[in-house]
């Protein structure tokens, strides 16, 4: 990921926080089937290995899991908040018109090779952990016990699990750090006033990064 020094984030806890907040990963492989990408929710185990481990599962019908099984390197992309930045947000534009549009965003890229598994007991444990994690804020959390046993067994036979130890991880927080302070303030204030939730989130990130 191209990341100038002013945008680069190396703090592992901060990178892990974004994965937890944006757990729908784009998983990319370049294997015998060519370039493939899948969008899958993952669960981060922070203290596994050095940089953490990502856990998730594929539909067995999804051919990409075979790339995982054959040892292909996996790129997991996590996108956080993003927002369009108009040149009109910069006070400097009124002075010299030297401004162009851009985007502010936060993202994490993680690389590794995966271990695949399809043992029913291990799949059940994985699905239970994923469900419990993502249901935790629901008023009436769903659990595996809510599903008929035969139905759940059939669903588990239709998936393949993976554990992906993170071998390399990078973060980019592009929040107008390369702009003078008055332009940064102009961008932050414009995004804070936007009707778009994602723009408001970027404004808050800019405020926290000050």
N, C-alpha and C. Protein backbone atom coordinates (compact mmCIF):
# COMPACT_ATOMS: atom_id res chain seq x y z
N UNK A 1 0.85 -1.19 0.00
CA UNK A 1 0.00 0.00 0.00
C UNK A 1 0.89 1.24 0.00
N UNK A 2 0.69 2.11 -0.98
CA UNK A 2 1.45 3.35 -1.02
C UNK A 2 1.02 4.22 0.16
N UNK A 3 2.00 4.57 0.98
CA UNK A 3 1.65 5.30 2.21
C UNK A 3 2.79 6.25 2.57
N UNK A 4 2.69 7.53 2.19
CA UNK A 4 3.70 8.51 2.61
C UNK A 4 3.82 8.54 4.14
N UNK A 5 4.96 8.94 4.59
CA UNK A 5 5.26 8.90 6.02
C UNK A 5 4.21 9.62 6.86
N UNK A 6 3.70 10.74 6.36
CA UNK A 6 2.74 11.51 7.15
C UNK A 6 1.41 10.78 7.35
N UNK A 7 1.12 9.79 6.50
CA UNK A 7 -0.13 9.06 6.60
C UNK A 7 0.04 7.68 7.25
N UNK A 8 1.25 7.25 7.45
CA UNK A 8 1.52 5.87 7.87
C UNK A 8 1.25 5.68 9.36
N UNK A 9 0.57 4.58 9.69
CA UNK A 9 0.31 4.21 11.09
C UNK A 9 0.94 2.84 11.34
N UNK A 10 1.74 2.75 12.40
CA UNK A 10 2.42 1.49 12.71
C UNK A 10 2.03 0.94 14.07
N UNK A 11 1.25 1.68 14.84
CA UNK A 11 0.85 1.21 16.16
C UNK A 11 -0.09 0.02 16.01
N UNK A 12 0.33 -1.15 16.51
CA UNK A 12 -0.43 -2.38 16.27
C UNK A 12 -1.80 -2.32 16.92
N UNK A 13 -1.92 -1.76 18.10
CA UNK A 13 -3.22 -1.66 18.77
C UNK A 13 -4.19 -0.82 17.95
N UNK A 14 -3.71 0.26 17.36
CA UNK A 14 -4.56 1.12 16.53
C UNK A 14 -5.01 0.38 15.27
N UNK A 15 -4.10 -0.38 14.67
CA UNK A 15 -4.45 -1.17 13.49
C UNK A 15 -5.48 -2.24 13.85
N UNK A 16 -5.27 -2.90 14.98
CA UNK A 16 -6.22 -3.91 15.44
C UNK A 16 -7.58 -3.30 15.73
N UNK A 17 -7.59 -2.10 16.28
CA UNK A 17 -8.87 -1.44 16.58
C UNK A 17 -9.68 -1.24 15.30
N UNK A 18 -9.02 -0.83 14.22
CA UNK A 18 -9.76 -0.62 12.97
C UNK A 18 -10.33 -1.94 12.44
N UNK A 19 -9.55 -3.03 12.55
CA UNK A 19 -10.06 -4.34 12.12
C UNK A 19 -11.30 -4.71 12.92
N UNK A 20 -11.26 -4.48 14.22
CA UNK A 20 -12.42 -4.78 15.06
C UNK A 20 -13.63 -3.93 14.69
N UNK A 21 -13.38 -2.68 14.32
CA UNK A 21 -14.46 -1.75 13.99
C UNK A 21 -15.00 -1.97 12.57
N UNK A 22 -14.17 -2.54 11.69
CA UNK A 22 -14.56 -2.76 10.28
C UNK A 22 -14.20 -4.19 9.90
N UNK A 23 -14.91 -5.18 10.46
CA UNK A 23 -14.48 -6.57 10.34
C UNK A 23 -14.83 -7.25 9.02
N UNK A 24 -15.51 -6.54 8.10
CA UNK A 24 -15.79 -7.15 6.80
C UNK A 24 -14.55 -6.99 5.93
N UNK A 25 -13.78 -8.05 5.81
CA UNK A 25 -12.52 -8.00 5.08
C UNK A 25 -12.74 -8.27 3.59
N UNK A 26 -11.94 -7.61 2.76
CA UNK A 26 -11.81 -8.00 1.36
C UNK A 26 -10.58 -8.88 1.29
N UNK A 27 -10.76 -10.16 0.99
CA UNK A 27 -9.68 -11.13 0.97
C UNK A 27 -9.27 -11.39 -0.48
N UNK A 28 -8.01 -11.11 -0.79
CA UNK A 28 -7.53 -11.16 -2.18
C UNK A 28 -6.43 -12.21 -2.30
N UNK A 29 -6.53 -13.04 -3.35
CA UNK A 29 -5.48 -14.02 -3.65
C UNK A 29 -5.17 -13.98 -5.14
N UNK A 30 -3.95 -14.37 -5.49
CA UNK A 30 -3.55 -14.53 -6.88
C UNK A 30 -3.03 -15.95 -7.00
N UNK A 31 -3.92 -16.89 -7.34
CA UNK A 31 -3.56 -18.30 -7.42
C UNK A 31 -3.76 -18.85 -8.80
N UNK A 32 -3.93 -20.17 -8.88
CA UNK A 32 -4.10 -20.84 -10.17
C UNK A 32 -5.36 -20.36 -10.89
N UNK A 33 -6.33 -19.84 -10.14
CA UNK A 33 -7.57 -19.38 -10.74
C UNK A 33 -7.52 -17.90 -11.13
N UNK A 34 -6.34 -17.29 -10.99
CA UNK A 34 -6.20 -15.87 -11.27
C UNK A 34 -6.48 -15.05 -10.03
N UNK A 35 -6.74 -13.77 -10.20
CA UNK A 35 -7.05 -12.89 -9.07
C UNK A 35 -8.47 -13.14 -8.61
N UNK A 36 -8.63 -13.42 -7.31
CA UNK A 36 -9.94 -13.61 -6.72
C UNK A 36 -10.06 -12.75 -5.48
N UNK A 37 -11.28 -12.29 -5.21
CA UNK A 37 -11.54 -11.50 -4.00
C UNK A 37 -12.88 -11.91 -3.43
N UNK A 38 -12.94 -12.01 -2.11
CA UNK A 38 -14.18 -12.30 -1.40
C UNK A 38 -14.33 -11.31 -0.25
N UNK A 39 -15.57 -11.01 0.09
CA UNK A 39 -15.88 -10.09 1.18
C UNK A 39 -16.46 -10.92 2.31
N UNK A 40 -15.68 -11.10 3.38
CA UNK A 40 -16.07 -12.00 4.46
C UNK A 40 -15.84 -11.35 5.82
N UNK A 41 -16.76 -11.54 6.76
CA UNK A 41 -16.50 -11.07 8.13
C UNK A 41 -15.46 -11.96 8.79
N UNK A 42 -14.57 -11.35 9.53
CA UNK A 42 -13.53 -12.11 10.23
C UNK A 42 -13.52 -11.70 11.70
N UNK A 43 -12.94 -12.56 12.48
CA UNK A 43 -12.76 -12.31 13.91
C UNK A 43 -11.27 -12.23 14.19
N UNK A 44 -10.84 -11.14 14.79
CA UNK A 44 -9.43 -10.94 15.09
C UNK A 44 -9.11 -11.50 16.47
N UNK A 45 -8.11 -12.36 16.52
CA UNK A 45 -7.54 -12.82 17.79
C UNK A 45 -6.24 -12.04 17.98
N UNK A 46 -6.29 -11.06 18.86
CA UNK A 46 -5.17 -10.11 18.96
C UNK A 46 -3.88 -10.73 19.45
N UNK A 47 -3.96 -11.65 20.35
CA UNK A 47 -2.75 -12.12 21.00
C UNK A 47 -2.24 -13.42 20.41
N UNK A 48 -2.82 -13.85 19.29
CA UNK A 48 -2.30 -15.04 18.62
C UNK A 48 -1.14 -14.63 17.72
N UNK A 49 -0.08 -15.44 17.73
CA UNK A 49 1.11 -15.13 16.95
C UNK A 49 1.65 -13.76 17.35
N UNK A 50 2.44 -13.14 16.47
CA UNK A 50 3.04 -11.84 16.77
C UNK A 50 2.08 -10.69 16.51
N UNK A 51 1.40 -10.74 15.38
CA UNK A 51 0.59 -9.60 14.94
C UNK A 51 -0.90 -9.91 14.96
N UNK A 52 -1.26 -11.02 15.52
CA UNK A 52 -2.66 -11.42 15.57
C UNK A 52 -3.01 -12.44 14.51
N UNK A 53 -4.20 -13.02 14.63
CA UNK A 53 -4.68 -14.01 13.68
C UNK A 53 -6.13 -13.68 13.33
N UNK A 54 -6.44 -13.79 12.04
CA UNK A 54 -7.80 -13.58 11.54
C UNK A 54 -8.48 -14.93 11.36
N UNK A 55 -9.72 -15.04 11.82
CA UNK A 55 -10.48 -16.29 11.71
C UNK A 55 -11.76 -16.01 10.94
N UNK A 56 -12.12 -16.93 10.05
CA UNK A 56 -13.37 -16.78 9.30
C UNK A 56 -13.68 -18.06 8.55
N UNK A 57 -14.65 -17.98 7.65
CA UNK A 57 -15.00 -19.16 6.87
C UNK A 57 -15.54 -18.77 5.50
N UNK A 58 -15.34 -19.68 4.54
CA UNK A 58 -15.86 -19.56 3.19
C UNK A 58 -17.06 -20.47 3.02
N UNK A 59 -17.97 -20.11 2.11
CA UNK A 59 -18.90 -21.09 1.58
C UNK A 59 -18.07 -22.11 0.82
N UNK A 60 -18.36 -23.39 1.01
CA UNK A 60 -17.58 -24.42 0.33
C UNK A 60 -17.68 -24.26 -1.20
N UNK A 61 -18.78 -23.67 -1.67
CA UNK A 61 -18.96 -23.47 -3.11
C UNK A 61 -18.09 -22.34 -3.66
N UNK A 62 -17.50 -21.52 -2.79
CA UNK A 62 -16.65 -20.42 -3.22
C UNK A 62 -15.27 -20.98 -3.59
N UNK A 63 -14.85 -20.87 -4.84
CA UNK A 63 -13.58 -21.50 -5.24
C UNK A 63 -12.35 -20.89 -4.60
N UNK A 64 -12.46 -19.70 -4.02
CA UNK A 64 -11.25 -19.05 -3.51
C UNK A 64 -10.63 -19.80 -2.34
N UNK A 65 -11.42 -20.56 -1.61
CA UNK A 65 -10.84 -21.25 -0.45
C UNK A 65 -9.73 -22.21 -0.89
N UNK A 66 -9.80 -22.66 -2.15
CA UNK A 66 -8.77 -23.58 -2.63
C UNK A 66 -7.42 -22.87 -2.77
N UNK A 67 -7.44 -21.59 -3.10
CA UNK A 67 -6.19 -20.82 -3.09
C UNK A 67 -5.61 -20.78 -1.68
N UNK A 68 -6.47 -20.57 -0.69
CA UNK A 68 -6.02 -20.58 0.70
C UNK A 68 -5.38 -21.93 1.03
N UNK A 69 -6.07 -23.01 0.64
CA UNK A 69 -5.60 -24.36 0.97
C UNK A 69 -4.28 -24.69 0.29
N UNK A 70 -4.03 -24.08 -0.87
CA UNK A 70 -2.79 -24.35 -1.61
C UNK A 70 -1.64 -23.45 -1.19
N UNK A 71 -1.85 -22.66 -0.15
CA UNK A 71 -0.77 -21.85 0.41
C UNK A 71 -0.53 -20.52 -0.25
N UNK A 72 -1.51 -20.02 -1.02
CA UNK A 72 -1.34 -18.71 -1.65
C UNK A 72 -1.27 -17.62 -0.60
N UNK A 73 -0.46 -16.60 -0.85
CA UNK A 73 -0.44 -15.45 0.05
C UNK A 73 -1.79 -14.74 -0.04
N UNK A 74 -2.28 -14.32 1.11
CA UNK A 74 -3.59 -13.66 1.21
C UNK A 74 -3.38 -12.21 1.63
N UNK A 75 -4.06 -11.31 0.95
CA UNK A 75 -4.12 -9.90 1.36
C UNK A 75 -5.52 -9.64 1.90
N UNK A 76 -5.60 -9.21 3.14
CA UNK A 76 -6.88 -8.83 3.75
C UNK A 76 -6.93 -7.31 3.86
N UNK A 77 -7.94 -6.71 3.27
CA UNK A 77 -8.09 -5.25 3.25
C UNK A 77 -9.27 -4.86 4.13
N UNK A 78 -9.04 -3.92 5.03
CA UNK A 78 -10.09 -3.41 5.92
C UNK A 78 -10.22 -1.91 5.69
N UNK A 79 -11.41 -1.49 5.28
CA UNK A 79 -11.66 -0.08 5.02
C UNK A 79 -12.47 0.54 6.16
N UNK A 80 -11.96 1.64 6.70
CA UNK A 80 -12.69 2.38 7.71
C UNK A 80 -13.46 3.52 7.07
N UNK A 81 -13.67 4.58 7.82
CA UNK A 81 -14.43 5.73 7.31
C UNK A 81 -13.67 6.41 6.18
N UNK A 82 -14.45 6.99 5.24
CA UNK A 82 -13.83 7.74 4.14
C UNK A 82 -14.75 8.89 3.76
N UNK A 83 -14.17 9.88 3.10
CA UNK A 83 -14.98 11.05 2.71
C UNK A 83 -14.29 11.80 1.59
N UNK A 84 -15.09 12.32 0.67
CA UNK A 84 -14.59 13.19 -0.39
C UNK A 84 -14.20 14.54 0.20
N UNK A 85 -13.08 15.06 -0.27
CA UNK A 85 -12.58 16.37 0.17
C UNK A 85 -12.58 17.31 -1.03
N UNK A 86 -13.44 18.30 -1.00
CA UNK A 86 -13.53 19.29 -2.08
C UNK A 86 -12.45 20.36 -1.91
N UNK A 87 -11.90 20.86 -3.01
CA UNK A 87 -10.95 21.99 -2.91
C UNK A 87 -11.58 23.20 -2.20
N UNK A 88 -12.92 23.30 -2.28
CA UNK A 88 -13.58 24.41 -1.62
C UNK A 88 -13.48 24.39 -0.11
N UNK A 89 -13.05 23.27 0.46
CA UNK A 89 -12.88 23.20 1.91
C UNK A 89 -11.61 23.91 2.37
N UNK A 90 -10.68 24.18 1.44
CA UNK A 90 -9.40 24.77 1.78
C UNK A 90 -9.48 26.30 1.74
N UNK A 91 -9.21 26.98 2.83
CA UNK A 91 -9.10 28.45 2.76
C UNK A 91 -8.04 28.90 1.76
N UNK A 92 -7.01 28.09 1.55
CA UNK A 92 -5.93 28.48 0.63
C UNK A 92 -6.43 28.60 -0.81
N UNK A 93 -7.51 27.91 -1.14
CA UNK A 93 -8.03 27.99 -2.51
C UNK A 93 -8.44 29.43 -2.87
N UNK A 94 -9.04 30.11 -1.89
CA UNK A 94 -9.46 31.49 -2.14
C UNK A 94 -8.26 32.41 -2.39
N UNK A 95 -7.08 31.98 -1.89
CA UNK A 95 -5.90 32.83 -2.03
C UNK A 95 -5.16 32.57 -3.34
N UNK A 96 -4.97 31.27 -3.67
CA UNK A 96 -4.10 31.00 -4.83
C UNK A 96 -4.69 29.98 -5.81
N UNK A 97 -5.85 29.40 -5.49
CA UNK A 97 -6.52 28.41 -6.36
C UNK A 97 -5.68 27.15 -6.60
N UNK A 98 -4.64 26.97 -5.82
CA UNK A 98 -3.79 25.77 -5.99
C UNK A 98 -4.33 24.65 -5.11
N UNK A 99 -5.40 24.01 -5.59
CA UNK A 99 -6.03 22.93 -4.83
C UNK A 99 -6.74 22.01 -5.81
N UNK A 100 -6.76 20.72 -5.47
CA UNK A 100 -7.46 19.72 -6.28
C UNK A 100 -8.27 18.82 -5.34
N UNK A 101 -9.29 18.13 -5.87
CA UNK A 101 -10.07 17.22 -5.02
C UNK A 101 -9.23 16.04 -4.54
N UNK A 102 -9.66 15.45 -3.44
CA UNK A 102 -9.00 14.24 -2.93
C UNK A 102 -10.00 13.49 -2.04
N UNK A 103 -9.54 12.43 -1.45
CA UNK A 103 -10.34 11.66 -0.48
C UNK A 103 -9.52 11.51 0.79
N UNK A 104 -10.19 11.59 1.93
CA UNK A 104 -9.60 11.21 3.20
C UNK A 104 -10.16 9.85 3.59
N UNK A 105 -9.33 9.00 4.17
CA UNK A 105 -9.78 7.65 4.51
C UNK A 105 -8.80 6.99 5.47
N UNK A 106 -9.26 5.91 6.06
CA UNK A 106 -8.39 5.07 6.87
C UNK A 106 -8.53 3.64 6.37
N UNK A 107 -7.41 2.91 6.37
CA UNK A 107 -7.42 1.53 5.86
C UNK A 107 -6.28 0.75 6.49
N UNK A 108 -6.49 -0.56 6.59
CA UNK A 108 -5.46 -1.48 7.07
C UNK A 108 -5.34 -2.61 6.05
N UNK A 109 -4.10 -2.96 5.73
CA UNK A 109 -3.81 -4.12 4.90
C UNK A 109 -3.04 -5.13 5.75
N UNK A 110 -3.42 -6.40 5.66
CA UNK A 110 -2.74 -7.46 6.39
C UNK A 110 -2.48 -8.62 5.44
N UNK A 111 -1.31 -9.24 5.58
CA UNK A 111 -0.90 -10.34 4.71
C UNK A 111 -0.59 -11.58 5.54
N UNK A 112 -0.79 -12.74 4.92
CA UNK A 112 -0.42 -13.99 5.57
C UNK A 112 -0.80 -15.18 4.71
N UNK A 113 -0.49 -16.37 5.20
CA UNK A 113 -0.94 -17.61 4.58
C UNK A 113 -1.79 -18.35 5.60
N UNK A 114 -2.82 -19.03 5.10
CA UNK A 114 -3.87 -19.54 5.99
C UNK A 114 -3.76 -21.04 6.25
N UNK A 115 -4.34 -21.43 7.35
CA UNK A 115 -4.61 -22.84 7.66
C UNK A 115 -6.11 -23.06 7.46
N UNK A 116 -6.47 -24.08 6.68
CA UNK A 116 -7.86 -24.39 6.42
C UNK A 116 -8.30 -25.57 7.29
N UNK A 117 -9.58 -25.61 7.63
CA UNK A 117 -10.10 -26.73 8.41
C UNK A 117 -11.59 -26.90 8.13
N UNK A 118 -12.07 -28.14 8.27
CA UNK A 118 -13.50 -28.40 8.11
C UNK A 118 -14.04 -29.41 9.12
N UNK A 119 -13.28 -29.60 10.22
CA UNK A 119 -13.79 -30.47 11.28
C UNK A 119 -15.05 -29.85 11.88
N UNK A 120 -16.13 -30.61 12.01
CA UNK A 120 -17.39 -30.04 12.49
C UNK A 120 -17.28 -29.34 13.84
N UNK A 121 -16.52 -29.93 14.78
CA UNK A 121 -16.43 -29.31 16.11
C UNK A 121 -15.70 -27.98 16.05
N UNK A 122 -14.68 -27.90 15.22
CA UNK A 122 -13.92 -26.66 15.12
C UNK A 122 -14.73 -25.60 14.37
N UNK A 123 -15.46 -26.01 13.33
CA UNK A 123 -16.32 -25.07 12.62
C UNK A 123 -17.42 -24.53 13.54
N UNK A 124 -17.98 -25.41 14.33
CA UNK A 124 -19.04 -24.99 15.26
C UNK A 124 -18.50 -23.96 16.24
N UNK A 125 -17.30 -24.19 16.76
CA UNK A 125 -16.69 -23.24 17.69
C UNK A 125 -16.45 -21.89 17.02
N UNK A 126 -15.97 -21.92 15.77
CA UNK A 126 -15.72 -20.69 15.03
C UNK A 126 -17.00 -19.91 14.79
N UNK A 127 -18.03 -20.60 14.30
CA UNK A 127 -19.29 -19.93 14.01
C UNK A 127 -19.91 -19.37 15.29
N UNK A 128 -19.77 -20.10 16.38
CA UNK A 128 -20.30 -19.62 17.66
C UNK A 128 -19.59 -18.34 18.08
N UNK A 129 -18.27 -18.30 17.94
CA UNK A 129 -17.51 -17.11 18.33
C UNK A 129 -17.86 -15.92 17.44
N UNK A 130 -17.95 -16.16 16.13
CA UNK A 130 -18.31 -15.09 15.22
C UNK A 130 -19.71 -14.54 15.53
N UNK A 131 -20.66 -15.46 15.75
CA UNK A 131 -22.03 -15.04 16.02
C UNK A 131 -22.11 -14.28 17.34
N UNK A 132 -21.48 -14.81 18.36
CA UNK A 132 -21.52 -14.15 19.67
C UNK A 132 -20.92 -12.75 19.58
N UNK A 133 -19.83 -12.63 18.82
CA UNK A 133 -19.16 -11.34 18.71
C UNK A 133 -20.05 -10.32 18.00
N UNK A 134 -20.65 -10.71 16.89
CA UNK A 134 -21.41 -9.75 16.10
C UNK A 134 -22.85 -9.57 16.61
N UNK A 135 -23.30 -10.47 17.46
CA UNK A 135 -24.65 -10.34 18.03
C UNK A 135 -24.65 -9.62 19.37
N UNK A 136 -23.47 -9.28 19.86
CA UNK A 136 -23.37 -8.81 21.24
C UNK A 136 -24.16 -7.54 21.51
N UNK A 137 -24.43 -6.73 20.47
CA UNK A 137 -25.16 -5.48 20.68
C UNK A 137 -26.64 -5.58 20.32
N UNK A 138 -27.07 -6.78 19.94
CA UNK A 138 -28.48 -6.96 19.60
C UNK A 138 -29.33 -7.06 20.86
N UNK A 139 -30.57 -6.55 20.83
CA UNK A 139 -31.41 -6.64 22.03
C UNK A 139 -31.74 -8.08 22.42
N UNK A 140 -31.82 -8.97 21.43
CA UNK A 140 -32.07 -10.39 21.70
C UNK A 140 -31.08 -11.20 20.86
N UNK A 141 -29.84 -11.36 21.36
CA UNK A 141 -28.78 -11.98 20.56
C UNK A 141 -29.14 -13.39 20.10
N UNK A 142 -28.86 -13.63 18.82
CA UNK A 142 -29.04 -14.97 18.25
C UNK A 142 -27.84 -15.82 18.64
N UNK A 143 -28.06 -17.12 18.84
CA UNK A 143 -26.97 -18.05 19.12
C UNK A 143 -27.21 -19.34 18.35
N UNK A 144 -26.19 -20.17 18.29
CA UNK A 144 -26.32 -21.44 17.58
C UNK A 144 -27.44 -22.30 18.15
N UNK A 145 -27.69 -22.16 19.42
CA UNK A 145 -28.73 -22.97 20.06
C UNK A 145 -30.13 -22.63 19.54
N UNK A 146 -30.27 -21.49 18.86
CA UNK A 146 -31.57 -21.10 18.31
C UNK A 146 -31.92 -21.86 17.05
N UNK A 147 -30.92 -22.48 16.41
CA UNK A 147 -31.15 -23.19 15.14
C UNK A 147 -31.35 -24.69 15.39
N UNK A 148 -32.24 -25.35 14.63
CA UNK A 148 -32.41 -26.81 14.76
C UNK A 148 -31.08 -27.52 14.48
N UNK A 149 -30.80 -28.56 15.23
CA UNK A 149 -29.51 -29.24 15.14
C UNK A 149 -29.23 -29.77 13.74
N UNK A 150 -30.23 -30.39 13.09
CA UNK A 150 -29.99 -30.94 11.76
C UNK A 150 -29.73 -29.84 10.73
N UNK A 151 -30.42 -28.72 10.88
CA UNK A 151 -30.22 -27.57 9.98
C UNK A 151 -28.80 -27.01 10.17
N UNK A 152 -28.38 -26.87 11.41
CA UNK A 152 -27.06 -26.33 11.70
C UNK A 152 -25.98 -27.27 11.17
N UNK A 153 -26.17 -28.57 11.33
CA UNK A 153 -25.18 -29.53 10.82
C UNK A 153 -25.04 -29.40 9.31
N UNK A 154 -26.15 -29.24 8.62
CA UNK A 154 -26.10 -29.08 7.16
C UNK A 154 -25.38 -27.79 6.78
N UNK A 155 -25.64 -26.72 7.52
CA UNK A 155 -24.97 -25.45 7.22
C UNK A 155 -23.47 -25.54 7.46
N UNK A 156 -23.06 -26.25 8.49
CA UNK A 156 -21.63 -26.39 8.78
C UNK A 156 -20.93 -27.22 7.71
N UNK A 157 -21.63 -28.18 7.14
CA UNK A 157 -21.03 -28.98 6.06
C UNK A 157 -20.82 -28.15 4.80
N UNK A 158 -21.49 -27.01 4.72
CA UNK A 158 -21.42 -26.17 3.52
C UNK A 158 -20.36 -25.08 3.62
N UNK A 159 -19.55 -25.09 4.69
CA UNK A 159 -18.51 -24.06 4.85
C UNK A 159 -17.15 -24.69 5.10
N UNK A 160 -16.12 -23.89 4.91
CA UNK A 160 -14.74 -24.27 5.19
C UNK A 160 -14.13 -23.14 6.01
N UNK A 161 -13.51 -23.49 7.13
CA UNK A 161 -12.94 -22.47 8.01
C UNK A 161 -11.48 -22.18 7.70
N UNK A 162 -11.03 -21.01 8.16
CA UNK A 162 -9.61 -20.67 8.01
C UNK A 162 -9.13 -19.88 9.21
N UNK A 163 -7.84 -20.03 9.48
CA UNK A 163 -7.12 -19.19 10.43
C UNK A 163 -5.96 -18.58 9.66
N UNK A 164 -5.83 -17.27 9.75
CA UNK A 164 -4.84 -16.55 8.96
C UNK A 164 -3.93 -15.75 9.89
N UNK A 165 -2.78 -16.33 10.31
CA UNK A 165 -1.83 -15.55 11.10
C UNK A 165 -1.30 -14.37 10.29
N UNK A 166 -1.31 -13.19 10.89
CA UNK A 166 -0.86 -11.99 10.19
C UNK A 166 0.67 -11.94 10.20
N UNK A 167 1.24 -11.99 9.01
CA UNK A 167 2.70 -11.95 8.89
C UNK A 167 3.21 -10.53 8.66
N UNK A 168 2.37 -9.69 8.09
CA UNK A 168 2.74 -8.29 7.82
C UNK A 168 1.47 -7.46 7.87
N UNK A 169 1.57 -6.25 8.39
CA UNK A 169 0.38 -5.40 8.52
C UNK A 169 0.79 -3.94 8.36
N UNK A 170 -0.05 -3.18 7.63
CA UNK A 170 0.21 -1.76 7.39
C UNK A 170 -1.08 -0.98 7.57
N UNK A 171 -0.94 0.25 8.02
CA UNK A 171 -2.10 1.12 8.16
C UNK A 171 -1.87 2.47 7.53
N UNK A 172 -2.93 3.05 6.98
CA UNK A 172 -2.85 4.37 6.37
C UNK A 172 -4.02 5.20 6.88
N UNK A 173 -3.72 6.31 7.52
CA UNK A 173 -4.71 7.27 8.00
C UNK A 173 -4.48 8.56 7.20
N UNK A 174 -5.18 8.71 6.09
CA UNK A 174 -5.02 9.89 5.24
C UNK A 174 -6.04 10.93 5.68
N UNK A 175 -5.60 11.88 6.49
CA UNK A 175 -6.49 12.82 7.15
C UNK A 175 -6.01 14.26 7.00
N UNK A 176 -5.54 14.57 5.82
CA UNK A 176 -5.09 15.94 5.49
C UNK A 176 -3.86 16.37 6.27
N UNK A 177 -3.06 15.39 6.74
CA UNK A 177 -1.87 15.76 7.50
C UNK A 177 -0.86 16.54 6.66
N UNK A 178 -0.97 16.42 5.33
CA UNK A 178 -0.02 17.12 4.45
C UNK A 178 -0.45 18.53 4.12
N UNK A 179 -1.53 19.00 4.73
CA UNK A 179 -2.06 20.35 4.47
C UNK A 179 -1.68 21.29 5.63
N UNK A 180 -1.60 22.58 5.35
CA UNK A 180 -1.38 23.54 6.44
C UNK A 180 -2.56 23.52 7.40
N UNK A 181 -2.35 24.06 8.59
CA UNK A 181 -3.33 23.91 9.66
C UNK A 181 -4.69 24.52 9.31
N UNK A 182 -4.70 25.66 8.57
CA UNK A 182 -6.00 26.26 8.26
C UNK A 182 -6.79 25.40 7.28
N UNK A 183 -6.09 24.72 6.36
CA UNK A 183 -6.78 23.81 5.45
C UNK A 183 -7.30 22.57 6.18
N UNK A 184 -6.51 22.06 7.11
CA UNK A 184 -6.97 20.91 7.90
C UNK A 184 -8.23 21.28 8.67
N UNK A 185 -8.23 22.46 9.27
CA UNK A 185 -9.41 22.91 10.01
C UNK A 185 -10.61 23.07 9.06
N UNK A 186 -10.38 23.60 7.87
CA UNK A 186 -11.46 23.76 6.91
C UNK A 186 -12.06 22.44 6.49
N UNK A 187 -11.21 21.46 6.26
CA UNK A 187 -11.70 20.13 5.89
C UNK A 187 -12.48 19.50 7.04
N UNK A 188 -11.91 19.56 8.22
CA UNK A 188 -12.58 18.96 9.39
C UNK A 188 -13.94 19.59 9.62
N UNK A 189 -14.03 20.89 9.57
CA UNK A 189 -15.30 21.56 9.84
C UNK A 189 -16.34 21.25 8.76
N UNK A 190 -15.90 21.19 7.49
CA UNK A 190 -16.84 20.88 6.40
C UNK A 190 -17.36 19.45 6.53
N UNK A 191 -16.49 18.53 6.88
CA UNK A 191 -16.92 17.14 7.02
C UNK A 191 -17.81 16.96 8.24
N UNK A 192 -17.52 17.69 9.29
CA UNK A 192 -18.36 17.60 10.50
C UNK A 192 -19.76 18.10 10.22
N UNK A 193 -19.91 19.05 9.29
CA UNK A 193 -21.22 19.62 8.96
C UNK A 193 -21.94 18.83 7.87
N UNK A 194 -21.30 17.82 7.32
CA UNK A 194 -21.88 17.04 6.23
C UNK A 194 -23.06 16.20 6.72
N UNK A 195 -24.07 15.94 5.87
CA UNK A 195 -25.16 15.04 6.24
C UNK A 195 -24.75 13.57 6.18
N UNK A 196 -23.55 13.28 5.68
CA UNK A 196 -23.08 11.90 5.53
C UNK A 196 -22.38 11.42 6.79
N UNK A 197 -22.83 10.29 7.30
CA UNK A 197 -22.24 9.74 8.54
C UNK A 197 -20.76 9.47 8.38
N UNK A 198 -20.36 8.91 7.24
CA UNK A 198 -18.95 8.59 7.04
C UNK A 198 -18.10 9.85 7.08
N UNK A 199 -18.61 10.95 6.51
CA UNK A 199 -17.86 12.21 6.56
C UNK A 199 -17.72 12.70 7.99
N UNK A 200 -18.78 12.57 8.78
CA UNK A 200 -18.72 12.95 10.19
C UNK A 200 -17.67 12.12 10.93
N UNK A 201 -17.60 10.83 10.58
CA UNK A 201 -16.62 9.95 11.22
C UNK A 201 -15.20 10.37 10.88
N UNK A 202 -14.98 10.76 9.62
CA UNK A 202 -13.64 11.22 9.23
C UNK A 202 -13.30 12.52 9.98
N UNK A 203 -14.27 13.40 10.15
CA UNK A 203 -14.03 14.64 10.90
C UNK A 203 -13.62 14.31 12.33
N UNK A 204 -14.27 13.34 12.92
CA UNK A 204 -13.91 12.95 14.29
C UNK A 204 -12.51 12.36 14.34
N UNK A 205 -12.17 11.56 13.34
CA UNK A 205 -10.81 11.01 13.28
C UNK A 205 -9.78 12.13 13.15
N UNK A 206 -10.10 13.14 12.34
CA UNK A 206 -9.18 14.28 12.19
C UNK A 206 -9.05 15.03 13.50
N UNK A 207 -10.15 15.18 14.21
CA UNK A 207 -10.12 15.86 15.50
C UNK A 207 -9.27 15.11 16.51
N UNK A 208 -9.43 13.77 16.50
CA UNK A 208 -8.66 12.96 17.44
C UNK A 208 -7.19 12.92 17.09
N UNK A 209 -6.88 13.13 15.80
CA UNK A 209 -5.48 13.06 15.36
C UNK A 209 -4.72 14.35 15.60
N UNK A 210 -5.39 15.38 16.04
CA UNK A 210 -4.74 16.69 16.25
C UNK A 210 -3.74 16.63 17.38
